[in-house]
Amino acid sequence: MNYLLTSAAAGILGVAAMELAMWLMTSNGLARGNMILALGGLLTGKRAHAFRTGLTVQLIAGVAFALLYLWGLRSFGMTHLPVVLVASAGFGVFHGLVVSLLLVWIASDHHPLKEFKGADLAIGLSHFLGHVAYGVTVGLVVGLASL
C-alpha cells in the first residue's frame, strides 16, 4: 500500500513540477503552447474539453510513470537520498529526451489543432526540462518517503 501511495503522491507532485517548469518557459516567451491543452486536443481533436481531458490523462500518466520510476529505483536499491535524486533525475532526462524528440519530429506535425502544429526546438526544450523536473520531484518524494 505504501508503494501505491508513494507513487500517487510522487506522480501528482511530479506533474505539478513539470507543468510549473513548462509554464515558466512559456510565460517568459521562451516557448509557446500549453502541454495539457495540446494533449487533450490531440486526443479529442477539438479545443472543447481539451484541457479537462488533457489534465486527466496527464495525471493518470504521471502516477503510472511514477509507479515505473519507483519500481526501477527499488529494483536497483536506490530509494534513499541523495542517490534517489540523481537516479530519478537521470530517468527524467531519458524520458524527456524521448518525449521531446517524438513531439518535435512526429506528434506536432499530425496535431489536429493548428496552434500546436510545427513544434520547434524551444518547445522540445520545454518538454525536456519539464520531464527532468518531474524526475527530480519523483526522486525527492521517494527519498522523503523512505526516511
C-alpha atoms as a PDB file:
ATOM      1  CA  MET A   1       0.000   0.000   0.000  1.00  0.00           C
ATOM      2  CA  ASN A   2       2.880   2.357   0.809  1.00  0.00           C
ATOM      3  CA  TYR A   3       4.228   1.704  -2.710  1.00  0.00           C
ATOM      4  CA  LEU A   4       0.956   2.859  -4.293  1.00  0.00           C
ATOM      5  CA  LEU A   5       0.565   5.898  -2.042  1.00  0.00           C
ATOM      6  CA  THR A   6       4.146   6.973  -2.644  1.00  0.00           C
ATOM      7  CA  SER A   7       3.684   6.544  -6.396  1.00  0.00           C
ATOM      8  CA  ALA A   8       0.433   8.505  -6.378  1.00  0.00           C
ATOM      9  CA  ALA A   9       1.947  11.376  -4.392  1.00  0.00           C
ATOM     10  CA  ALA A  10       5.132  11.334  -6.479  1.00  0.00           C
ATOM     11  CA  GLY A  11       3.187  11.265  -9.744  1.00  0.00           C
ATOM     12  CA  ILE A  12       0.817  14.094  -8.854  1.00  0.00           C
ATOM     13  CA  LEU A  13       3.571  16.299  -7.432  1.00  0.00           C
ATOM     14  CA  GLY A  14       5.795  15.391 -10.373  1.00  0.00           C
ATOM     15  CA  VAL A  15       3.137  16.524 -12.849  1.00  0.00           C
ATOM     16  CA  ALA A  16       2.779  19.772 -10.906  1.00  0.00           C
ATOM     17  CA  ALA A  17       6.556  20.332 -11.085  1.00  0.00           C
ATOM     18  CA  MET A  18       6.564  19.501 -14.807  1.00  0.00           C
ATOM     19  CA  GLU A  19       3.770  21.934 -15.509  1.00  0.00           C
ATOM     20  CA  LEU A  20       5.455  24.636 -13.437  1.00  0.00           C
ATOM     21  CA  ALA A  21       8.735  24.240 -15.327  1.00  0.00           C
ATOM     22  CA  MET A  22       6.947  24.339 -18.681  1.00  0.00           C
ATOM     23  CA  TRP A  23       4.771  27.271 -17.624  1.00  0.00           C
ATOM     24  CA  LEU A  24       7.867  29.241 -16.607  1.00  0.00           C
ATOM     25  CA  MET A  25       9.267  28.792 -20.112  1.00  0.00           C
ATOM     26  CA  THR A  26       6.044  29.728 -21.871  1.00  0.00           C
ATOM     27  CA  SER A  27       5.169  32.631 -19.574  1.00  0.00           C
ATOM     28  CA  ASN A  28       8.565  34.196 -20.253  1.00  0.00           C
ATOM     29  CA  GLY A  29       8.109  33.829 -24.002  1.00  0.00           C
ATOM     30  CA  LEU A  30      10.876  31.247 -24.344  1.00  0.00           C
ATOM     31  CA  ALA A  31       8.454  28.691 -25.794  1.00  0.00           C
ATOM     32  CA  ARG A  32       4.816  28.636 -26.824  1.00  0.00           C
ATOM     33  CA  GLY A  33       1.970  26.291 -26.027  1.00  0.00           C
ATOM     34  CA  ASN A  34       0.205  24.532 -23.194  1.00  0.00           C
ATOM     35  CA  MET A  35       1.007  20.850 -22.851  1.00  0.00           C
ATOM     36  CA  ILE A  36      -2.223  19.912 -21.090  1.00  0.00           C
ATOM     37  CA  LEU A  37      -4.337  21.646 -23.739  1.00  0.00           C
ATOM     38  CA  ALA A  38      -2.210  20.176 -26.528  1.00  0.00           C
ATOM     39  CA  LEU A  39      -2.522  16.652 -25.116  1.00  0.00           C
ATOM     40  CA  GLY A  40      -6.272  16.989 -24.661  1.00  0.00           C
ATOM     41  CA  GLY A  41      -6.649  18.443 -28.167  1.00  0.00           C
ATOM     42  CA  LEU A  42      -4.597  15.607 -29.614  1.00  0.00           C
ATOM     43  CA  LEU A  43      -6.952  13.099 -28.004  1.00  0.00           C
ATOM     44  CA  THR A  44     -10.274  14.869 -28.621  1.00  0.00           C
ATOM     45  CA  GLY A  45      -9.463  16.512 -31.948  1.00  0.00           C
ATOM     46  CA  LYS A  46     -11.008  19.791 -30.806  1.00  0.00           C
ATOM     47  CA  ARG A  47     -10.478  22.540 -28.261  1.00  0.00           C
ATOM     48  CA  ALA A  48     -13.728  21.937 -26.345  1.00  0.00           C
ATOM     49  CA  HIS A  49     -12.996  19.867 -23.209  1.00  0.00           C
ATOM     50  CA  ALA A  50      -9.348  19.552 -24.276  1.00  0.00           C
ATOM     51  CA  PHE A  51      -7.997  20.971 -21.012  1.00  0.00           C
ATOM     52  CA  ARG A  52     -10.064  18.652 -18.805  1.00  0.00           C
ATOM     53  CA  THR A  53      -9.185  15.634 -20.948  1.00  0.00           C
ATOM     54  CA  GLY A  54      -5.508  16.580 -21.076  1.00  0.00           C
ATOM     55  CA  LEU A  55      -5.290  17.149 -17.320  1.00  0.00           C
ATOM     56  CA  THR A  56      -6.973  13.823 -16.564  1.00  0.00           C
ATOM     57  CA  VAL A  57      -4.683  11.911 -18.904  1.00  0.00           C
ATOM     58  CA  GLN A  58      -1.601  13.790 -17.660  1.00  0.00           C
ATOM     59  CA  LEU A  59      -2.373  12.963 -14.013  1.00  0.00           C
ATOM     60  CA  ILE A  60      -3.040   9.302 -14.796  1.00  0.00           C
ATOM     61  CA  ALA A  61       0.169   9.095 -16.836  1.00  0.00           C
ATOM     62  CA  GLY A  62       2.068  10.914 -14.085  1.00  0.00           C
ATOM     63  CA  VAL A  63       1.035   8.337 -11.498  1.00  0.00           C
ATOM     64  CA  ALA A  64       1.677   5.436 -13.923  1.00  0.00           C
ATOM     65  CA  PHE A  65       5.176   6.694 -14.722  1.00  0.00           C
ATOM     66  CA  ALA A  66       5.839   7.255 -11.017  1.00  0.00           C
ATOM     67  CA  LEU A  67       4.988   3.583 -10.490  1.00  0.00           C
ATOM     68  CA  LEU A  68       7.563   2.689 -13.164  1.00  0.00           C
ATOM     69  CA  TYR A  69      10.164   5.080 -11.753  1.00  0.00           C
ATOM     70  CA  LEU A  70       9.654   3.696  -8.241  1.00  0.00           C
ATOM     71  CA  TRP A  71       9.825   0.109  -9.487  1.00  0.00           C
ATOM     72  CA  GLY A  72      13.119   0.892 -11.263  1.00  0.00           C
ATOM     73  CA  LEU A  73      14.533   2.759  -8.290  1.00  0.00           C
ATOM     74  CA  ARG A  74      13.605  -0.030  -5.875  1.00  0.00           C
ATOM     75  CA  SER A  75      14.959  -2.700  -8.236  1.00  0.00           C
ATOM     76  CA  PHE A  76      18.391  -1.083  -8.070  1.00  0.00           C
ATOM     77  CA  GLY A  77      18.160  -0.296  -4.349  1.00  0.00           C
ATOM     78  CA  MET A  78      18.142   3.457  -4.939  1.00  0.00           C
ATOM     79  CA  THR A  79      15.442   4.753  -2.628  1.00  0.00           C
ATOM     80  CA  HIS A  80      17.405   6.899  -0.198  1.00  0.00           C
ATOM     81  CA  LEU A  81      18.555  10.484  -0.532  1.00  0.00           C
ATOM     82  CA  PRO A  82      20.681  11.746  -2.261  1.00  0.00           C
ATOM     83  CA  VAL A  83      21.224   8.854  -4.704  1.00  0.00           C
ATOM     84  CA  VAL A  84      17.496   8.601  -5.473  1.00  0.00           C
ATOM     85  CA  LEU A  85      17.504  12.230  -6.683  1.00  0.00           C
ATOM     86  CA  VAL A  86      20.338  11.606  -9.122  1.00  0.00           C
ATOM     87  CA  ALA A  87      18.875   8.347 -10.421  1.00  0.00           C
ATOM     88  CA  SER A  88      15.367   9.743 -10.795  1.00  0.00           C
ATOM     89  CA  ALA A  89      16.702  12.867 -12.498  1.00  0.00           C
ATOM     90  CA  GLY A  90      18.500  10.518 -14.901  1.00  0.00           C
ATOM     91  CA  PHE A  91      15.205   8.763 -15.611  1.00  0.00           C
ATOM     92  CA  GLY A  92      13.682  12.197 -16.233  1.00  0.00           C
ATOM     93  CA  VAL A  93      16.474  13.106 -18.671  1.00  0.00           C
ATOM     94  CA  PHE A  94      15.919   9.915 -20.670  1.00  0.00           C
ATOM     95  CA  HIS A  95      12.122  10.271 -20.512  1.00  0.00           C
ATOM     96  CA  GLY A  96      12.373  13.931 -21.537  1.00  0.00           C
ATOM     97  CA  LEU A  97      14.646  13.180 -24.495  1.00  0.00           C
ATOM     98  CA  VAL A  98      12.270  10.538 -25.838  1.00  0.00           C
ATOM     99  CA  VAL A  99       9.147  12.663 -25.390  1.00  0.00           C
ATOM    100  CA  SER A 100      10.764  15.805 -26.800  1.00  0.00           C
ATOM    101  CA  LEU A 101      12.068  14.054 -29.897  1.00  0.00           C
ATOM    102  CA  LEU A 102       8.752  12.323 -30.545  1.00  0.00           C
ATOM    103  CA  LEU A 103       6.884  15.584 -30.035  1.00  0.00           C
ATOM    104  CA  VAL A 104       9.068  17.741 -32.269  1.00  0.00           C
ATOM    105  CA  TRP A 105       9.645  15.162 -35.009  1.00  0.00           C
ATOM    106  CA  ILE A 106       6.316  13.327 -35.167  1.00  0.00           C
ATOM    107  CA  ALA A 107       3.366  14.342 -32.987  1.00  0.00           C
ATOM    108  CA  SER A 108       3.247  18.065 -33.720  1.00  0.00           C
ATOM    109  CA  ASP A 109       3.074  17.522 -37.478  1.00  0.00           C
ATOM    110  CA  HIS A 110      -0.098  15.468 -37.058  1.00  0.00           C
ATOM    111  CA  HIS A 111      -1.788  17.505 -34.336  1.00  0.00           C
ATOM    112  CA  PRO A 112      -5.452  18.262 -35.135  1.00  0.00           C
ATOM    113  CA  LEU A 113      -5.307  21.800 -33.655  1.00  0.00           C
ATOM    114  CA  LYS A 114      -3.468  24.326 -35.799  1.00  0.00           C
ATOM    115  CA  GLU A 115      -1.939  26.179 -32.844  1.00  0.00           C
ATOM    116  CA  PHE A 116       0.028  23.071 -31.841  1.00  0.00           C
ATOM    117  CA  LYS A 117       1.405  22.139 -35.261  1.00  0.00           C
ATOM    118  CA  GLY A 118       5.075  22.537 -36.018  1.00  0.00           C
ATOM    119  CA  ALA A 119       6.723  22.323 -32.608  1.00  0.00           C
ATOM    120  CA  ASP A 120      10.164  23.913 -32.583  1.00  0.00           C
ATOM    121  CA  LEU A 121      13.304  23.325 -30.550  1.00  0.00           C
ATOM    122  CA  ALA A 122      12.134  25.661 -27.753  1.00  0.00           C
ATOM    123  CA  ILE A 123       9.001  23.568 -27.269  1.00  0.00           C
ATOM    124  CA  GLY A 124      11.112  20.412 -27.225  1.00  0.00           C
ATOM    125  CA  LEU A 125      13.402  22.003 -24.630  1.00  0.00           C
ATOM    126  CA  SER A 126      10.378  22.991 -22.557  1.00  0.00           C
ATOM    127  CA  HIS A 127       9.154  19.381 -22.521  1.00  0.00           C
ATOM    128  CA  PHE A 128      12.640  18.099 -21.777  1.00  0.00           C
ATOM    129  CA  LEU A 129      13.048  20.410 -18.772  1.00  0.00           C
ATOM    130  CA  GLY A 130       9.532  19.566 -17.613  1.00  0.00           C
ATOM    131  CA  HIS A 131      10.351  15.869 -17.586  1.00  0.00           C
ATOM    132  CA  VAL A 132      13.602  16.480 -15.712  1.00  0.00           C
ATOM    133  CA  ALA A 133      11.604  18.457 -13.113  1.00  0.00           C
ATOM    134  CA  TYR A 134       9.174  15.516 -12.948  1.00  0.00           C
ATOM    135  CA  GLY A 135      12.044  13.080 -12.359  1.00  0.00           C
ATOM    136  CA  VAL A 136      13.651  15.207  -9.659  1.00  0.00           C
ATOM    137  CA  THR A 137      10.306  15.616  -7.881  1.00  0.00           C
ATOM    138  CA  VAL A 138       9.551  11.895  -8.031  1.00  0.00           C
ATOM    139  CA  GLY A 139      13.013  11.196  -6.618  1.00  0.00           C
ATOM    140  CA  LEU A 140      12.512  13.711  -3.831  1.00  0.00           C
ATOM    141  CA  VAL A 141       9.148  12.198  -2.844  1.00  0.00           C
ATOM    142  CA  VAL A 142      10.557   8.655  -2.930  1.00  0.00           C
ATOM    143  CA  GLY A 143      13.581   9.729  -0.891  1.00  0.00           C
ATOM    144  CA  LEU A 144      11.466  11.512   1.706  1.00  0.00           C
ATOM    145  CA  ALA A 145       9.085   8.550   1.906  1.00  0.00           C
ATOM    146  CA  SER A 146      11.980   6.230   2.708  1.00  0.00           C
ATOM    147  CA  LEU A 147      13.070   8.288   5.738  1.00  0.00           C
END
